[in-house]
Protein backbone atom coordinates (compact mmCIF):
# COMPACT_ATOMS: atom_id res chain seq x y z
CA ILE A 1 -27.30 -15.41 -15.98
CA ILE A 2 -28.56 -12.68 -18.31
CA GLY A 3 -27.38 -9.97 -15.90
CA PHE A 4 -23.96 -11.61 -15.66
CA LEU A 5 -23.66 -11.93 -19.43
CA SER A 6 -24.67 -8.32 -20.01
CA SER A 7 -22.17 -7.10 -17.42
CA ILE A 8 -19.41 -9.20 -19.01
CA ILE A 9 -20.28 -7.73 -22.42
CA GLY A 10 -20.17 -4.27 -20.85
CA LEU A 11 -16.77 -5.07 -19.32
CA ILE A 12 -15.41 -6.22 -22.67
CA LEU A 13 -16.75 -3.12 -24.42
CA THR A 14 -15.27 -0.87 -21.71
CA ILE A 15 -11.84 -2.44 -22.04
CA GLY A 16 -12.04 -2.18 -25.83
CA SER A 17 -13.15 1.44 -25.79
CA ILE A 18 -10.36 2.38 -23.34
CA ALA A 19 -7.80 0.72 -25.61
CA ILE A 20 -9.16 2.51 -28.69
CA ALA A 21 -9.41 5.87 -26.91
CA ALA A 22 -5.83 5.59 -25.62
CA LYS A 23 -4.57 5.23 -29.20
CA MET A 24 -6.85 7.70 -31.00
CA PHE A 25 -7.44 10.67 -28.71
CA PRO A 26 -4.66 12.93 -27.41
CA LEU A 27 -6.55 13.48 -24.15
CA PHE A 28 -6.05 9.83 -23.18
CA LYS A 29 -2.40 9.57 -24.27
CA ALA A 30 -1.17 11.11 -21.02
CA ALA A 31 -3.24 8.73 -18.91
CA LYS A 32 -1.74 5.36 -18.07
CA PHE A 33 -4.09 2.39 -18.16
CA SER A 34 -2.97 -0.90 -16.74
CA ILE A 35 -5.15 -3.73 -17.94
CA ASN A 36 -3.74 -7.18 -17.25
CA ILE A 37 -5.18 -10.63 -16.62
CA LEU A 38 -5.55 -10.01 -12.86
CA THR A 39 -7.53 -6.83 -13.53
CA ILE A 40 -9.82 -8.68 -15.92
CA LEU A 41 -10.34 -11.57 -13.47
CA VAL A 42 -11.19 -9.19 -10.63
CA GLY A 43 -13.59 -7.36 -12.96
CA ILE A 44 -15.31 -10.63 -13.83
CA LEU A 45 -15.54 -11.55 -10.14
CA ILE A 46 -17.11 -8.17 -9.37
CA CYS A 47 -19.60 -8.65 -12.23
CA ILE A 48 -20.58 -12.07 -10.86
CA THR A 49 -21.11 -10.84 -7.29
CA ALA A 50 -23.00 -7.73 -8.41
CA SER A 51 -25.24 -9.81 -10.68
CA LEU A 52 -26.00 -12.26 -7.88
CA PHE A 53 -26.73 -9.46 -5.43
CA ILE A 54 -29.00 -7.55 -7.79
CA SER A 55 -30.87 -10.66 -8.89
CA GLY A 56 -31.36 -11.69 -5.24
CA VAL A 57 -32.72 -8.28 -4.33
CA SER A 58 -34.98 -8.35 -7.40
CA LEU A 59 -36.34 -11.74 -6.37
CA ALA A 60 -36.96 -10.52 -2.84
CA ILE A 61 -38.77 -7.41 -4.07
CA THR A 62 -40.92 -9.13 -6.68
CA SER A 63 -41.73 -12.33 -4.84
CA PHE A 64 -44.86 -10.87 -3.28
CA ALA A 65 -46.26 -9.49 -6.53
CA LYS A 66 -49.49 -10.97 -7.84
CA THR A 67 -49.03 -10.04 -11.50
CA TYR A 68 -46.19 -9.40 -13.89
CA LYS A 69 -47.07 -5.70 -14.10
CA GLU A 70 -46.98 -5.31 -10.33
CA ALA A 71 -43.58 -7.01 -10.17
CA GLN A 72 -42.24 -4.81 -12.94
CA SER A 73 -43.44 -1.61 -11.30
CA SER A 74 -42.00 -2.60 -7.92
CA CYS A 75 -38.62 -3.26 -9.53
CA GLN A 76 -38.41 0.22 -11.08
CA ALA A 77 -37.14 1.68 -7.79
CA LEU A 78 -34.28 -0.83 -7.85
CA ASN A 79 -33.41 0.20 -11.42
CA LEU A 80 -33.18 3.84 -10.37
CA ILE A 81 -30.98 2.97 -7.38
CA ILE A 82 -28.61 0.99 -9.61
CA ILE A 83 -28.25 3.88 -12.07
CA ALA A 84 -27.50 6.44 -9.31
CA PRO A 85 -23.75 5.63 -8.80
CA MET A 86 -23.11 5.98 -12.52
CA MET A 87 -24.86 9.35 -12.63
CA ILE A 88 -22.91 10.55 -9.60
CA SER A 89 -19.61 9.61 -11.25
CA ILE A 90 -20.61 11.35 -14.51
CA MET A 91 -21.38 14.60 -12.67
CA GLY A 92 -17.80 14.70 -11.37
CA VAL A 93 -18.56 14.20 -7.69
CA GLU A 94 -15.56 12.93 -5.78
CA ILE A 95 -16.31 9.41 -4.59
CA ASN A 96 -14.38 8.34 -1.52
CA THR A 97 -13.78 4.93 0.03
CA ALA A 98 -16.94 5.11 2.16
CA TYR A 99 -18.86 4.08 -0.98
CA TYR A 100 -17.29 0.62 -0.69
CA LEU A 101 -19.71 -0.06 2.18
CA ILE A 102 -22.82 0.64 0.07
CA PRO A 103 -23.86 -2.61 -1.69
CA ILE A 104 -24.86 -1.17 -5.07
CA ALA A 105 -22.30 1.66 -5.28
CA ASN A 106 -19.33 -0.50 -4.25
CA TYR A 107 -18.98 -2.51 -7.44
CA THR A 108 -19.17 0.65 -9.56
CA GLN A 109 -16.52 2.29 -7.39
CA LEU A 110 -14.34 -0.81 -7.46
CA LEU A 111 -14.47 -1.12 -11.24
CA MET A 112 -13.65 2.58 -11.60
CA ASP A 113 -10.64 2.16 -9.27
CA ILE A 114 -9.41 -0.94 -11.11
CA PHE A 115 -9.47 0.67 -14.54
C-alpha cells in the first residue's frame, strides 16, 4: 500500500511538473503533451501492478531472512535493479520495445511512452 501511494504521489507530481514546465519554459512549448483521463487511469493501473510485483519480489527475497538487518541487506540488490531503468533513460540511451518484456523496466518504459 505504501509503495502504491508513493507511486501515485510521484505520478501526480510528474503530471503537475509537466504542466508547469509546458507553460514556463520555452524548451517545452514545442512539445505536445496529451494528458487525459485515460492516460491517468492507465498510469494508475501501471503503478498498481508495479507495486504489487515489487512487493511480491521483496517478500520472496526477504522471507528467508532471520533478522531485520539481513532482510534489509538482501533487498538492496532489488533497489539497485529498480533504479537502473531510470538511470538508463537519464543517460539518453534509446530504449526500444524489447524493454516491455523485462518486468521492472517495462512499467518505466510504459509510463515514459504514455506521457
